[in-house]
Amino acid sequence: MALSVSCSSQTPKTEIMNKERLTYFSFDHHNTMAMFYGEKYSVSTEKDGRIHIVIDEAFPDEKEFYIDDTTIFDSLKTIVDEYKMDKYKGSYQPRMQVFDGDSWSLYYKYDSGRSVSSGGYMA
């Protein structure tokens, strides 16, 4: 997980990070014993400014739609901040062998170009 942000000495890094706006967010989860069952959610900004949302809660059923309301990214940023997702490790794995665990991945990107990714295998 790379968290490099360039900033001047007059502007604290946390202030710059708080001004960043999300432009992409995705999360997926699946159970290892049922590889074709899981959930995947993504929200992205299209070139025309519309928001593209994909909700895939039971493969292959997928819902896809577009909205004009960009405040969805404000809500997602609140969740990212509340759960301190910027501090998540890049990878989580169990300390012992697990045969029926859940796997997940998280990825989001800011308008500054900074991105964060994390995931857990059998975690």
N, C-alpha and C. Protein backbone atom coordinates (compact mmCIF):
# COMPACT_ATOMS: atom_id res chain seq x y z
N MET A 1 0.85 -1.15 0.00
CA MET A 1 0.00 0.00 0.00
C MET A 1 0.90 1.22 0.00
N ALA A 2 0.82 2.04 -1.03
CA ALA A 2 1.64 3.23 -1.12
C ALA A 2 0.83 4.44 -0.69
N LEU A 3 1.40 5.22 0.20
CA LEU A 3 0.72 6.40 0.68
C LEU A 3 1.60 7.63 0.53
N SER A 4 2.29 7.77 -0.57
CA SER A 4 3.18 8.91 -0.74
C SER A 4 2.38 10.10 -1.26
N VAL A 5 2.55 11.23 -0.59
CA VAL A 5 1.87 12.46 -0.97
C VAL A 5 2.90 13.57 -0.90
N SER A 6 3.04 14.34 -1.98
CA SER A 6 3.97 15.45 -1.94
C SER A 6 3.23 16.69 -1.48
N CYS A 7 3.91 17.50 -0.66
CA CYS A 7 3.30 18.72 -0.17
C CYS A 7 4.40 19.70 0.22
N SER A 8 4.05 20.97 0.27
CA SER A 8 5.01 21.98 0.67
C SER A 8 5.14 21.99 2.18
N SER A 9 6.21 22.62 2.67
CA SER A 9 6.42 22.65 4.11
C SER A 9 5.39 23.53 4.81
N GLN A 10 4.71 24.42 4.06
CA GLN A 10 3.71 25.28 4.67
C GLN A 10 2.36 24.58 4.86
N THR A 11 2.11 23.54 4.10
CA THR A 11 0.82 22.86 4.16
C THR A 11 1.00 21.46 4.73
N PRO A 12 0.43 21.22 5.92
CA PRO A 12 0.56 19.87 6.51
C PRO A 12 -0.03 18.80 5.60
N LYS A 13 0.62 17.63 5.58
CA LYS A 13 0.17 16.50 4.74
C LYS A 13 -1.27 16.12 5.06
N THR A 14 -1.65 16.12 6.34
CA THR A 14 -3.01 15.74 6.69
C THR A 14 -4.04 16.71 6.12
N GLU A 15 -3.67 17.99 6.02
CA GLU A 15 -4.59 18.97 5.44
C GLU A 15 -4.81 18.69 3.96
N ILE A 16 -3.72 18.34 3.25
CA ILE A 16 -3.84 18.00 1.83
C ILE A 16 -4.69 16.74 1.67
N MET A 17 -4.43 15.74 2.51
CA MET A 17 -5.18 14.49 2.42
C MET A 17 -6.66 14.72 2.69
N ASN A 18 -7.01 15.64 3.60
CA ASN A 18 -8.41 15.90 3.89
C ASN A 18 -9.11 16.61 2.74
N LYS A 19 -8.36 17.32 1.88
CA LYS A 19 -8.95 18.02 0.75
C LYS A 19 -9.09 17.12 -0.48
N GLU A 20 -8.45 15.98 -0.46
CA GLU A 20 -8.56 15.07 -1.60
C GLU A 20 -9.99 14.58 -1.74
N ARG A 21 -10.40 14.39 -2.99
CA ARG A 21 -11.74 13.86 -3.25
C ARG A 21 -11.60 12.48 -3.87
N LEU A 22 -12.42 11.56 -3.41
CA LEU A 22 -12.44 10.22 -4.00
C LEU A 22 -12.97 10.30 -5.43
N THR A 23 -12.38 9.50 -6.30
CA THR A 23 -12.88 9.40 -7.68
C THR A 23 -13.22 7.95 -8.04
N TYR A 24 -12.76 7.01 -7.21
CA TYR A 24 -13.03 5.59 -7.46
C TYR A 24 -13.01 4.86 -6.12
N PHE A 25 -13.91 3.88 -5.97
CA PHE A 25 -13.97 3.07 -4.76
C PHE A 25 -14.50 1.70 -5.14
N SER A 26 -13.82 0.64 -4.70
CA SER A 26 -14.35 -0.70 -4.94
C SER A 26 -14.07 -1.59 -3.73
N PHE A 27 -14.98 -2.53 -3.54
CA PHE A 27 -14.85 -3.51 -2.47
C PHE A 27 -15.44 -4.81 -2.97
N ASP A 28 -14.74 -5.91 -2.73
CA ASP A 28 -15.35 -7.20 -3.04
C ASP A 28 -15.05 -8.20 -1.93
N HIS A 29 -15.91 -9.18 -1.83
CA HIS A 29 -15.85 -10.17 -0.76
C HIS A 29 -16.37 -11.48 -1.31
N HIS A 30 -15.71 -12.57 -0.97
CA HIS A 30 -16.27 -13.88 -1.32
C HIS A 30 -15.79 -14.93 -0.31
N ASN A 31 -16.57 -15.97 -0.21
CA ASN A 31 -16.25 -17.09 0.67
C ASN A 31 -15.47 -18.10 -0.14
N THR A 32 -14.40 -18.61 0.43
CA THR A 32 -13.51 -19.50 -0.30
C THR A 32 -14.18 -20.81 -0.70
N MET A 33 -15.09 -21.31 0.09
CA MET A 33 -15.76 -22.57 -0.25
C MET A 33 -16.78 -22.39 -1.38
N ALA A 34 -17.17 -21.16 -1.62
CA ALA A 34 -18.13 -20.88 -2.70
C ALA A 34 -17.55 -19.76 -3.56
N MET A 35 -16.57 -20.11 -4.37
CA MET A 35 -15.81 -19.11 -5.12
C MET A 35 -16.69 -18.25 -6.04
N PHE A 36 -17.83 -18.77 -6.47
CA PHE A 36 -18.66 -18.01 -7.38
C PHE A 36 -19.77 -17.26 -6.65
N TYR A 37 -19.68 -17.22 -5.35
CA TYR A 37 -20.64 -16.44 -4.58
C TYR A 37 -19.90 -15.34 -3.86
N GLY A 38 -20.42 -14.17 -3.93
CA GLY A 38 -19.79 -13.06 -3.24
C GLY A 38 -20.44 -11.76 -3.64
N GLU A 39 -19.85 -10.70 -3.17
CA GLU A 39 -20.37 -9.38 -3.47
C GLU A 39 -19.23 -8.52 -4.01
N LYS A 40 -19.60 -7.64 -4.93
CA LYS A 40 -18.64 -6.68 -5.45
C LYS A 40 -19.38 -5.37 -5.67
N TYR A 41 -18.76 -4.29 -5.20
CA TYR A 41 -19.34 -2.96 -5.32
C TYR A 41 -18.28 -2.02 -5.87
N SER A 42 -18.64 -1.19 -6.81
CA SER A 42 -17.70 -0.17 -7.28
C SER A 42 -18.44 1.11 -7.63
N VAL A 43 -17.76 2.22 -7.39
CA VAL A 43 -18.27 3.54 -7.69
C VAL A 43 -17.14 4.29 -8.38
N SER A 44 -17.39 4.83 -9.56
CA SER A 44 -16.34 5.54 -10.29
C SER A 44 -16.90 6.79 -10.95
N THR A 45 -16.00 7.71 -11.24
CA THR A 45 -16.37 8.94 -11.93
C THR A 45 -16.09 8.77 -13.42
N GLU A 46 -17.09 9.00 -14.23
CA GLU A 46 -16.92 8.92 -15.68
C GLU A 46 -16.33 10.24 -16.20
N LYS A 47 -15.83 10.23 -17.43
CA LYS A 47 -15.24 11.43 -18.03
C LYS A 47 -16.24 12.57 -18.13
N ASP A 48 -17.52 12.24 -18.28
CA ASP A 48 -18.55 13.28 -18.40
C ASP A 48 -19.03 13.79 -17.04
N GLY A 49 -18.43 13.28 -15.95
CA GLY A 49 -18.77 13.74 -14.61
C GLY A 49 -19.83 12.90 -13.90
N ARG A 50 -20.51 12.03 -14.66
CA ARG A 50 -21.51 11.17 -14.02
C ARG A 50 -20.83 10.12 -13.16
N ILE A 51 -21.58 9.58 -12.23
CA ILE A 51 -21.08 8.54 -11.34
C ILE A 51 -21.60 7.19 -11.83
N HIS A 52 -20.69 6.24 -12.00
CA HIS A 52 -21.02 4.90 -12.45
C HIS A 52 -20.98 3.97 -11.24
N ILE A 53 -22.08 3.29 -10.98
CA ILE A 53 -22.19 2.39 -9.83
C ILE A 53 -22.48 0.98 -10.33
N VAL A 54 -21.72 0.02 -9.80
CA VAL A 54 -21.95 -1.39 -10.12
C VAL A 54 -22.15 -2.13 -8.80
N ILE A 55 -23.24 -2.86 -8.71
CA ILE A 55 -23.54 -3.68 -7.54
C ILE A 55 -23.71 -5.11 -8.04
N ASP A 56 -22.86 -5.97 -7.57
CA ASP A 56 -22.88 -7.37 -8.01
C ASP A 56 -22.93 -8.23 -6.74
N GLU A 57 -24.13 -8.62 -6.33
CA GLU A 57 -24.29 -9.33 -5.06
C GLU A 57 -24.47 -10.83 -5.20
N ALA A 58 -24.67 -11.32 -6.38
CA ALA A 58 -24.79 -12.76 -6.61
C ALA A 58 -24.46 -13.01 -8.07
N PHE A 59 -23.29 -13.52 -8.31
CA PHE A 59 -22.84 -13.76 -9.67
C PHE A 59 -23.84 -14.64 -10.41
N PRO A 60 -24.24 -14.39 -11.61
CA PRO A 60 -23.82 -13.32 -12.50
C PRO A 60 -24.73 -12.10 -12.45
N ASP A 61 -25.69 -12.05 -11.53
CA ASP A 61 -26.60 -10.90 -11.45
C ASP A 61 -25.82 -9.65 -11.07
N GLU A 62 -25.96 -8.63 -11.92
CA GLU A 62 -25.22 -7.40 -11.70
C GLU A 62 -26.13 -6.22 -12.00
N LYS A 63 -26.10 -5.24 -11.15
CA LYS A 63 -26.87 -4.02 -11.36
C LYS A 63 -25.88 -2.91 -11.67
N GLU A 64 -26.17 -2.17 -12.71
CA GLU A 64 -25.27 -1.11 -13.14
C GLU A 64 -26.12 0.11 -13.46
N PHE A 65 -25.73 1.26 -12.92
CA PHE A 65 -26.48 2.47 -13.23
C PHE A 65 -25.59 3.70 -13.07
N TYR A 66 -26.11 4.83 -13.53
CA TYR A 66 -25.39 6.10 -13.50
C TYR A 66 -26.22 7.11 -12.74
N ILE A 67 -25.52 7.97 -11.98
CA ILE A 67 -26.19 9.05 -11.27
C ILE A 67 -25.38 10.33 -11.49
N ASP A 68 -26.00 11.46 -11.23
CA ASP A 68 -25.32 12.75 -11.36
C ASP A 68 -24.86 13.30 -10.02
N ASP A 69 -25.33 12.72 -8.94
CA ASP A 69 -25.06 13.23 -7.59
C ASP A 69 -23.69 12.74 -7.09
N THR A 70 -22.71 13.63 -7.07
CA THR A 70 -21.34 13.25 -6.67
C THR A 70 -21.17 13.18 -5.15
N THR A 71 -22.20 13.48 -4.37
CA THR A 71 -22.05 13.43 -2.91
C THR A 71 -21.88 12.00 -2.40
N ILE A 72 -22.10 11.01 -3.25
CA ILE A 72 -21.86 9.64 -2.83
C ILE A 72 -20.39 9.47 -2.42
N PHE A 73 -19.48 10.19 -3.09
CA PHE A 73 -18.07 10.11 -2.72
C PHE A 73 -17.80 10.76 -1.37
N ASP A 74 -18.58 11.79 -1.01
CA ASP A 74 -18.44 12.38 0.33
C ASP A 74 -18.81 11.36 1.40
N SER A 75 -19.87 10.59 1.14
CA SER A 75 -20.29 9.55 2.09
C SER A 75 -19.24 8.46 2.19
N LEU A 76 -18.68 8.04 1.05
CA LEU A 76 -17.63 7.02 1.07
C LEU A 76 -16.38 7.53 1.78
N LYS A 77 -16.02 8.80 1.57
CA LYS A 77 -14.85 9.39 2.24
C LYS A 77 -15.06 9.41 3.75
N THR A 78 -16.28 9.68 4.19
CA THR A 78 -16.60 9.64 5.63
C THR A 78 -16.34 8.25 6.19
N ILE A 79 -16.74 7.22 5.46
CA ILE A 79 -16.51 5.83 5.90
C ILE A 79 -15.02 5.53 5.93
N VAL A 80 -14.29 5.93 4.87
CA VAL A 80 -12.84 5.72 4.81
C VAL A 80 -12.16 6.37 6.02
N ASP A 81 -12.56 7.61 6.33
CA ASP A 81 -11.96 8.32 7.46
C ASP A 81 -12.35 7.70 8.80
N GLU A 82 -13.63 7.36 8.96
CA GLU A 82 -14.11 6.81 10.22
C GLU A 82 -13.41 5.50 10.58
N TYR A 83 -13.19 4.65 9.59
CA TYR A 83 -12.56 3.36 9.83
C TYR A 83 -11.05 3.36 9.56
N LYS A 84 -10.51 4.56 9.32
CA LYS A 84 -9.07 4.74 9.13
C LYS A 84 -8.50 3.77 8.09
N MET A 85 -9.20 3.66 6.96
CA MET A 85 -8.82 2.71 5.92
C MET A 85 -7.46 3.03 5.31
N ASP A 86 -7.02 4.29 5.39
CA ASP A 86 -5.68 4.65 4.91
C ASP A 86 -4.59 3.92 5.70
N LYS A 87 -4.92 3.44 6.87
CA LYS A 87 -3.95 2.77 7.74
C LYS A 87 -3.98 1.24 7.59
N TYR A 88 -4.89 0.72 6.77
CA TYR A 88 -4.96 -0.73 6.58
C TYR A 88 -3.65 -1.24 5.96
N LYS A 89 -3.23 -2.42 6.37
CA LYS A 89 -2.07 -3.05 5.74
C LYS A 89 -2.45 -3.45 4.31
N GLY A 90 -1.44 -3.65 3.49
CA GLY A 90 -1.68 -4.05 2.11
C GLY A 90 -2.30 -5.43 2.00
N SER A 91 -1.93 -6.32 2.94
CA SER A 91 -2.41 -7.70 2.86
C SER A 91 -2.60 -8.28 4.25
N TYR A 92 -3.69 -9.00 4.41
CA TYR A 92 -3.98 -9.70 5.66
C TYR A 92 -4.10 -11.19 5.35
N GLN A 93 -3.44 -12.00 6.17
CA GLN A 93 -3.52 -13.45 6.01
C GLN A 93 -3.59 -14.07 7.40
N PRO A 94 -4.26 -15.22 7.51
CA PRO A 94 -4.37 -15.85 8.83
C PRO A 94 -3.02 -16.38 9.31
N ARG A 95 -2.90 -16.50 10.60
CA ARG A 95 -1.66 -17.02 11.20
C ARG A 95 -1.59 -18.54 11.12
N MET A 96 -2.72 -19.18 10.96
CA MET A 96 -2.76 -20.64 10.83
C MET A 96 -3.58 -20.99 9.59
N GLN A 97 -3.50 -22.22 9.15
CA GLN A 97 -4.22 -22.65 7.96
C GLN A 97 -5.72 -22.61 8.20
N VAL A 98 -6.43 -22.03 7.24
CA VAL A 98 -7.89 -21.91 7.29
C VAL A 98 -8.45 -22.54 6.02
N PHE A 99 -9.47 -23.37 6.16
CA PHE A 99 -10.05 -24.05 5.01
C PHE A 99 -11.34 -23.41 4.52
N ASP A 100 -12.00 -22.65 5.36
CA ASP A 100 -13.27 -22.04 4.97
C ASP A 100 -13.30 -20.60 5.46
N GLY A 101 -12.48 -19.77 4.88
CA GLY A 101 -12.42 -18.38 5.29
C GLY A 101 -13.00 -17.47 4.23
N ASP A 102 -13.05 -16.22 4.54
CA ASP A 102 -13.52 -15.22 3.60
C ASP A 102 -12.33 -14.44 3.07
N SER A 103 -12.45 -14.01 1.83
CA SER A 103 -11.43 -13.17 1.22
C SER A 103 -12.09 -11.87 0.78
N TRP A 104 -11.33 -10.79 0.81
CA TRP A 104 -11.86 -9.48 0.46
C TRP A 104 -10.76 -8.60 -0.12
N SER A 105 -11.18 -7.60 -0.86
CA SER A 105 -10.23 -6.60 -1.35
C SER A 105 -10.91 -5.24 -1.38
N LEU A 106 -10.10 -4.23 -1.16
CA LEU A 106 -10.55 -2.85 -1.11
C LEU A 106 -9.58 -2.02 -1.92
N TYR A 107 -10.09 -1.13 -2.75
CA TYR A 107 -9.24 -0.24 -3.52
C TYR A 107 -9.98 1.07 -3.70
N TYR A 108 -9.29 2.17 -3.46
CA TYR A 108 -9.88 3.46 -3.76
C TYR A 108 -8.80 4.43 -4.21
N LYS A 109 -9.25 5.46 -4.96
CA LYS A 109 -8.33 6.40 -5.57
C LYS A 109 -8.87 7.82 -5.40
N TYR A 110 -7.94 8.76 -5.22
CA TYR A 110 -8.28 10.17 -5.05
C TYR A 110 -7.97 10.96 -6.31
N ASP A 111 -8.53 12.16 -6.40
CA ASP A 111 -8.27 13.03 -7.54
C ASP A 111 -6.81 13.46 -7.62
N SER A 112 -6.06 13.34 -6.53
CA SER A 112 -4.64 13.67 -6.52
C SER A 112 -3.80 12.58 -7.20
N GLY A 113 -4.42 11.42 -7.45
CA GLY A 113 -3.70 10.28 -8.00
C GLY A 113 -3.29 9.26 -6.95
N ARG A 114 -3.37 9.65 -5.68
CA ARG A 114 -3.03 8.73 -4.59
C ARG A 114 -4.07 7.64 -4.52
N SER A 115 -3.63 6.40 -4.30
CA SER A 115 -4.56 5.29 -4.19
C SER A 115 -4.18 4.43 -2.99
N VAL A 116 -5.14 3.68 -2.51
CA VAL A 116 -4.96 2.78 -1.38
C VAL A 116 -5.58 1.44 -1.74
N SER A 117 -4.86 0.37 -1.47
CA SER A 117 -5.43 -0.96 -1.68
C SER A 117 -5.08 -1.84 -0.48
N SER A 118 -5.98 -2.74 -0.20
CA SER A 118 -5.81 -3.67 0.91
C SER A 118 -6.64 -4.89 0.61
N GLY A 119 -6.28 -6.00 1.21
CA GLY A 119 -7.05 -7.21 1.00
C GLY A 119 -6.73 -8.28 2.03
N GLY A 120 -7.63 -9.20 2.14
CA GLY A 120 -7.42 -10.31 3.06
C GLY A 120 -7.75 -11.61 2.37
N TYR A 121 -6.86 -12.57 2.50
CA TYR A 121 -7.09 -13.90 1.95
C TYR A 121 -7.29 -14.86 3.09
N MET A 122 -8.46 -15.50 3.11
CA MET A 122 -8.81 -16.43 4.19
C MET A 122 -8.71 -15.72 5.54
N ALA A 123 -9.02 -14.44 5.54
CA ALA A 123 -8.87 -13.64 6.76
C ALA A 123 -10.16 -13.52 7.51
